[in-house]
């Protein structure tokens, strides 16, 4: 059972993993109201990692692990979880959590630093929680630390605001350059949706320029999406440049999920097919991304919003 102090902070005695060398992830919640009335509580998750549980008055629920700032669950009032965590996911604070909504920052995919960057491998901190019209809102923070600077030597400040409503889950990512020199980055939300992969489909991508990583991930084939409805018949790993600000996912399980965004210019569809035989049939990834480099001068910020909802 998690111990919450009078200031609504997580007891590090309860969660020893908080005090890792990559920086202390001391989670403190707003003292304006109790965590119960806010619809936000801190508890112990898998592997004894601290997680936040958000609950709306309508009965929807979301779970966010401070390790990686990863949303691992989004349950609508019916109790159905629309996100997916892979059965091989580990919760040991050393490897990224494979599933939910992992962060790719400051690099999407392979590149000069480790795959998908370091944000999904670091402890985020709760810096604010509030209540908007009865619905819980939390803001997580990530700053540079020796772990990040060892591979990407810049000072930055990232905020990740999560808002849970009855039938929607919204996120806002803001990155600020707090260094005295410019830097560039790419980023994505690597969202895993629970699905029947063979029956799932995505609308809204027709006309996009594509970078298809099948069959050779290292040499994507350029093309143009001609289909009104994109499906997942086998291995899928495709980038859609300048994608629409709204996509619609039919997860093949009876749910139509609207994926709206502001400033996430690109989209990625992924399903590993037989490369992940244990679970590929049970999920698809539809990711909002910024594939091209974002250039930030000192003190400049970049913000992108994702809004997931069901009818």
Protein backbone atom coordinates (compact mmCIF):
# COMPACT_ATOMS: atom_id res chain seq x y z
CA UNK A 1 0.00 0.00 0.00
CA UNK A 2 1.45 3.35 -1.04
CA UNK A 3 2.16 5.84 1.69
CA UNK A 4 1.20 9.41 0.86
CA UNK A 5 2.54 12.22 3.01
CA UNK A 6 0.52 15.20 4.26
CA UNK A 7 1.92 17.13 1.29
CA UNK A 8 0.59 14.37 -0.96
CA UNK A 9 4.07 13.21 -1.95
CA UNK A 10 5.19 9.64 -2.48
CA UNK A 11 7.21 8.18 0.36
CA UNK A 12 10.57 7.13 -1.05
CA UNK A 13 10.76 4.55 1.71
CA UNK A 14 7.75 2.89 0.13
CA UNK A 15 9.23 3.15 -3.36
CA UNK A 16 13.01 2.61 -3.14
CA UNK A 17 13.28 2.59 -6.93
CA UNK A 18 12.57 6.32 -6.90
CA UNK A 19 16.11 7.08 -5.75
CA UNK A 20 18.05 5.85 -8.73
CA UNK A 21 21.21 7.48 -9.96
CA UNK A 22 19.37 8.96 -12.95
CA UNK A 23 17.67 11.43 -10.64
CA UNK A 24 15.12 11.38 -7.86
CA UNK A 25 11.52 11.09 -9.05
CA UNK A 26 9.86 12.54 -5.99
CA UNK A 27 6.19 12.79 -6.88
CA UNK A 28 4.31 15.55 -5.16
CA UNK A 29 0.66 16.33 -5.75
CA UNK A 30 -1.04 19.66 -5.41
CA UNK A 31 -1.96 20.46 -1.83
CA UNK A 32 -5.05 22.38 -2.88
CA UNK A 33 -7.22 19.33 -2.30
CA UNK A 34 -6.90 15.76 -1.24
CA UNK A 35 -5.81 13.16 -3.76
CA UNK A 36 -9.19 11.47 -3.37
CA UNK A 37 -11.23 14.52 -4.34
CA UNK A 38 -8.86 15.21 -7.20
CA UNK A 39 -9.52 11.78 -8.63
CA UNK A 40 -5.78 11.13 -8.46
CA UNK A 41 -4.08 8.63 -6.22
CA UNK A 42 -0.56 7.32 -5.98
CA UNK A 43 -0.12 3.60 -5.59
CA UNK A 44 2.34 0.79 -6.12
CA UNK A 45 2.33 -0.71 -9.59
CA UNK A 46 4.01 -3.67 -11.21
CA UNK A 47 7.56 -4.28 -10.00
CA UNK A 48 6.92 -1.92 -7.06
CA UNK A 49 7.13 1.04 -9.42
CA UNK A 50 4.99 4.03 -8.41
CA UNK A 51 2.04 4.83 -10.60
CA UNK A 52 -0.78 7.35 -10.67
CA UNK A 53 -4.38 6.25 -11.00
CA UNK A 54 -6.76 8.86 -12.43
CA UNK A 55 -10.51 8.36 -12.05
CA UNK A 56 -13.25 10.52 -13.55
CA UNK A 57 -16.72 10.94 -12.01
CA UNK A 58 -18.15 9.03 -15.00
CA UNK A 59 -16.05 5.99 -14.09
CA UNK A 60 -13.28 6.18 -16.69
CA UNK A 61 -9.78 5.47 -15.43
CA UNK A 62 -6.16 5.92 -16.52
CA UNK A 63 -2.90 4.64 -15.08
CA UNK A 64 0.44 6.42 -15.51
CA UNK A 65 3.81 5.04 -14.42
CA UNK A 66 6.32 7.66 -13.32
CA UNK A 67 9.04 5.51 -14.88
CA UNK A 68 8.97 6.61 -18.50
CA UNK A 69 5.98 8.88 -17.89
CA UNK A 70 4.08 6.02 -19.50
CA UNK A 71 0.29 5.81 -19.64
CA UNK A 72 -0.38 2.07 -19.41
CA UNK A 73 -4.16 1.94 -19.15
CA UNK A 74 -7.19 3.91 -20.35
CA UNK A 75 -10.47 2.38 -19.29
CA UNK A 76 -13.75 3.86 -20.48
CA UNK A 77 -16.82 3.78 -18.17
CA UNK A 78 -17.79 0.32 -19.44
CA UNK A 79 -14.55 -0.98 -17.93
CA UNK A 80 -12.98 -1.79 -21.29
CA UNK A 81 -9.27 -0.91 -21.55
CA UNK A 82 -8.50 0.64 -24.92
CA UNK A 83 -4.72 0.49 -24.47
CA UNK A 84 -2.50 -2.59 -24.60
CA UNK A 85 0.59 -3.61 -22.64
CA UNK A 86 2.59 -6.45 -24.12
CA UNK A 87 2.84 -9.68 -22.12
CA UNK A 88 6.64 -9.45 -22.36
CA UNK A 89 6.68 -5.97 -20.80
CA UNK A 90 9.02 -5.62 -17.84
CA UNK A 91 8.54 -3.30 -14.88
CA UNK A 92 12.02 -3.25 -13.41
CA UNK A 93 13.01 0.39 -13.95
CA UNK A 94 15.79 -0.63 -16.32
CA UNK A 95 13.97 -1.31 -19.59
CA UNK A 96 11.19 0.79 -21.11
CA UNK A 97 7.63 -0.37 -20.46
CA UNK A 98 6.48 -2.09 -23.66
CA UNK A 99 2.94 -0.88 -24.17
CA UNK A 100 0.49 1.86 -23.39
CA UNK A 101 1.75 5.27 -24.50
CA UNK A 102 5.56 5.34 -24.29
CA UNK A 103 7.53 8.50 -25.09
CA UNK A 104 10.01 8.62 -27.93
CA UNK A 105 12.28 11.60 -27.18
CA UNK A 106 14.62 13.17 -28.23
CA UNK A 107 14.86 10.65 -31.05
CA UNK A 108 12.25 8.60 -32.84
CA UNK A 109 13.51 5.20 -33.98
CA UNK A 110 17.18 4.38 -34.48
CA UNK A 111 19.85 7.07 -34.68
CA UNK A 112 22.93 8.47 -32.94
CA UNK A 113 21.60 7.64 -29.46
CA UNK A 114 19.66 4.65 -28.16
CA UNK A 115 16.47 3.47 -29.89
CA UNK A 116 13.63 5.97 -29.35
CA UNK A 117 15.78 8.12 -27.06
CA UNK A 118 15.86 8.19 -23.27
CA UNK A 119 12.57 9.71 -22.03
CA UNK A 120 10.93 6.28 -21.74
CA UNK A 121 13.87 5.10 -19.60
CA UNK A 122 13.82 7.90 -17.02
CA UNK A 123 11.79 8.78 -13.96
CA UNK A 124 9.32 11.59 -14.48
CA UNK A 125 8.03 13.72 -11.59
CA UNK A 126 4.53 14.93 -10.79
CA UNK A 127 4.61 18.72 -10.64
CA UNK A 128 0.92 19.54 -10.61
CA UNK A 129 -2.53 18.03 -10.27
CA UNK A 130 -5.83 19.79 -10.61
CA UNK A 131 -9.50 19.15 -11.10
CA UNK A 132 -11.26 20.56 -14.16
CA UNK A 133 -15.06 20.29 -14.07
CA UNK A 134 -14.70 17.22 -11.88
CA UNK A 135 -12.12 15.52 -14.09
CA UNK A 136 -8.53 14.80 -13.03
CA UNK A 137 -5.57 16.52 -14.67
CA UNK A 138 -1.94 15.77 -13.84
CA UNK A 139 1.29 17.22 -15.18
CA UNK A 140 4.54 15.26 -15.23
CA UNK A 141 7.98 16.75 -15.66
CA UNK A 142 11.28 15.51 -17.08
CA UNK A 143 14.59 17.36 -16.95
CA UNK A 144 18.07 16.51 -18.14
CA UNK A 145 20.19 14.42 -15.80
CA UNK A 146 23.59 12.70 -16.01
CA UNK A 147 21.89 9.70 -17.67
CA UNK A 148 20.46 11.82 -20.50
CA UNK A 149 23.49 14.08 -20.84
CA UNK A 150 25.76 11.08 -21.34
CA UNK A 151 24.09 10.55 -24.72
CA UNK A 152 22.50 13.94 -25.50
CA UNK A 153 24.39 16.81 -23.90
CA UNK A 154 21.66 19.44 -23.64
CA UNK A 155 19.63 21.02 -20.88
CA UNK A 156 15.86 20.72 -21.44
CA UNK A 157 12.57 20.79 -19.58
CA UNK A 158 9.64 18.61 -20.71
CA UNK A 159 6.09 18.75 -19.36
CA UNK A 160 3.46 16.08 -20.06
CA UNK A 161 -0.08 17.07 -19.11
CA UNK A 162 -2.71 14.30 -19.00
CA UNK A 163 -6.45 15.02 -18.80
CA UNK A 164 -9.02 12.27 -18.27
CA UNK A 165 -12.68 12.82 -19.15
CA UNK A 166 -15.63 10.45 -19.36
CA UNK A 167 -14.85 9.29 -22.90
CA UNK A 168 -11.52 10.92 -23.73
CA UNK A 169 -7.86 10.99 -22.78
CA UNK A 170 -5.89 14.08 -23.75
CA UNK A 171 -2.16 14.71 -23.51
CA UNK A 172 -0.10 17.82 -24.03
CA UNK A 173 3.68 17.56 -24.42
CA UNK A 174 5.78 20.71 -24.09
CA UNK A 175 9.54 20.73 -24.60
CA UNK A 176 11.60 23.78 -23.62
CA UNK A 177 15.23 24.44 -24.44
CA UNK A 178 16.80 25.49 -21.14
CA UNK A 179 20.34 25.34 -22.54
CA UNK A 180 22.47 28.23 -23.79
CA UNK A 181 22.76 26.63 -27.24
CA UNK A 182 20.25 25.41 -29.82
CA UNK A 183 19.24 21.77 -30.12
CA UNK A 184 17.05 19.63 -32.37
CA UNK A 185 14.97 16.54 -31.67
CA UNK A 186 12.35 14.21 -33.05
CA UNK A 187 9.60 12.67 -30.97
CA UNK A 188 6.49 10.48 -30.94
CA UNK A 189 3.87 8.91 -28.72
CA UNK A 190 4.25 5.18 -29.45
CA UNK A 191 0.63 4.33 -28.61
CA UNK A 192 -0.40 0.68 -28.38
CA UNK A 193 -4.15 0.15 -28.86
CA UNK A 194 -5.86 -3.05 -27.84
CA UNK A 195 -7.20 -4.50 -31.09
CA UNK A 196 -8.00 -7.47 -33.23
CA UNK A 197 -5.16 -6.76 -35.64
CA UNK A 198 -6.69 -8.73 -38.52
CA UNK A 199 -9.91 -6.71 -38.25
CA UNK A 200 -8.49 -3.30 -37.31
CA UNK A 201 -8.37 -0.37 -39.72
CA UNK A 202 -7.44 3.30 -39.84
CA UNK A 203 -9.13 6.08 -41.82
CA UNK A 204 -7.73 9.52 -42.62
CA UNK A 205 -4.39 8.68 -44.21
CA UNK A 206 -5.28 8.74 -47.91
CA UNK A 207 -3.00 11.03 -49.93
CA UNK A 208 -0.14 11.05 -47.40
CA UNK A 209 3.44 10.56 -48.49
CA UNK A 210 4.60 7.26 -47.01
CA UNK A 211 7.91 5.84 -45.84
CA UNK A 212 7.31 2.10 -45.82
CA UNK A 213 9.83 0.13 -43.75
CA UNK A 214 8.60 -3.22 -45.07
CA UNK A 215 10.58 -5.13 -46.26
CA UNK A 216 13.78 -3.21 -45.36
CA UNK A 217 13.54 -1.06 -42.20
CA UNK A 218 16.87 0.60 -42.95
CA UNK A 219 15.83 1.72 -46.40
CA UNK A 220 12.20 2.90 -46.34
CA UNK A 221 10.39 2.90 -49.66
CA UNK A 222 8.77 6.24 -50.52
CA UNK A 223 5.22 6.17 -51.77
CA UNK A 224 1.74 7.62 -51.46
CA UNK A 225 -1.20 6.17 -49.57
CA UNK A 226 -4.04 5.47 -52.00
CA UNK A 227 -6.36 3.61 -49.64
CA UNK A 228 -9.32 5.16 -47.84
CA UNK A 229 -9.04 2.48 -45.18
CA UNK A 230 -5.63 1.14 -44.11
CA UNK A 231 -5.54 -2.36 -42.63
CA UNK A 232 -3.01 -4.62 -40.89
CA UNK A 233 -2.85 -7.78 -43.05
CA UNK A 234 0.67 -8.68 -41.94
CA UNK A 235 3.84 -6.88 -40.88
CA UNK A 236 3.20 -3.13 -40.93
CA UNK A 237 5.77 -0.41 -40.24
CA UNK A 238 4.94 2.74 -42.15
CA UNK A 239 5.44 6.46 -41.59
CA UNK A 240 2.83 8.88 -42.94
CA UNK A 241 4.19 12.39 -43.45
CA UNK A 242 1.99 15.47 -43.03
CA UNK A 243 -0.88 13.33 -41.80
CA UNK A 244 -4.37 14.58 -41.07
CA UNK A 245 -5.07 16.19 -37.70
CA UNK A 246 -7.71 13.50 -37.09
CA UNK A 247 -7.53 9.76 -37.71
CA UNK A 248 -10.13 7.16 -36.86
CA UNK A 249 -9.15 3.75 -35.58
CA UNK A 250 -11.58 0.85 -35.74
CA UNK A 251 -9.93 -1.55 -33.30
CA UNK A 252 -11.86 -4.55 -34.61
CA UNK A 253 -13.33 -5.08 -31.14
CA UNK A 254 -16.35 -2.83 -31.52
CA UNK A 255 -14.74 0.52 -30.71
CA UNK A 256 -14.21 3.54 -32.96
CA UNK A 257 -11.45 5.71 -31.53
CA UNK A 258 -10.89 9.26 -32.73
CA UNK A 259 -7.22 10.28 -32.67
CA UNK A 260 -7.01 14.06 -32.98
CA UNK A 261 -3.84 16.08 -32.69
CA UNK A 262 -2.35 19.54 -32.82
CA UNK A 263 1.25 19.91 -34.02
CA UNK A 264 2.00 16.19 -34.26
CA UNK A 265 2.62 16.50 -38.00
CA UNK A 266 3.11 12.81 -38.84
CA UNK A 267 1.68 9.40 -38.05
CA UNK A 268 3.12 5.89 -37.78
CA UNK A 269 1.33 2.55 -38.10
CA UNK A 270 3.05 -0.53 -36.70
CA UNK A 271 2.28 -4.16 -36.08
CA UNK A 272 5.17 -6.63 -35.73
CA UNK A 273 3.17 -9.62 -37.03
CA UNK A 274 5.14 -12.87 -36.70
CA UNK A 275 8.15 -11.09 -35.16
CA UNK A 276 6.05 -10.98 -31.98
CA UNK A 277 4.00 -14.12 -32.30
CA UNK A 278 2.78 -14.16 -28.69
CA UNK A 279 0.73 -10.98 -28.98
CA UNK A 280 0.74 -9.37 -32.43
CA UNK A 281 -2.90 -10.35 -32.98
CA UNK A 282 -3.97 -8.33 -29.93
CA UNK A 283 -2.78 -4.80 -30.71
CA UNK A 284 -1.93 -2.20 -33.32
CA UNK A 285 0.16 0.93 -32.87
CA UNK A 286 -1.19 4.21 -34.25
CA UNK A 287 1.33 6.85 -33.30
CA UNK A 288 1.36 10.62 -33.45
CA UNK A 289 4.88 11.68 -34.34
CA UNK A 290 7.19 14.49 -35.34
CA UNK A 291 9.57 12.72 -37.71
CA UNK A 292 11.45 15.77 -38.97
CA UNK A 293 13.74 17.60 -36.59
CA UNK A 294 12.29 20.27 -34.33
CA UNK A 295 14.82 23.07 -33.91
CA UNK A 296 14.71 25.00 -30.64
CA UNK A 297 16.81 28.01 -29.76
CA UNK A 298 17.51 28.75 -26.08
CA UNK A 299 14.27 29.47 -24.16
CA UNK A 300 12.07 28.39 -27.07
CA UNK A 301 9.32 25.80 -26.56
CA UNK A 302 7.45 23.29 -28.73
CA UNK A 303 4.03 21.89 -27.82
CA UNK A 304 1.88 19.11 -29.27
CA UNK A 305 -1.53 17.82 -28.19
CA UNK A 306 -3.10 14.40 -28.65
CA UNK A 307 -6.81 13.81 -27.98
CA UNK A 308 -8.14 10.26 -27.92
CA UNK A 309 -11.88 9.77 -27.65
CA UNK A 310 -14.73 7.35 -28.28
CA UNK A 311 -18.27 8.17 -29.36
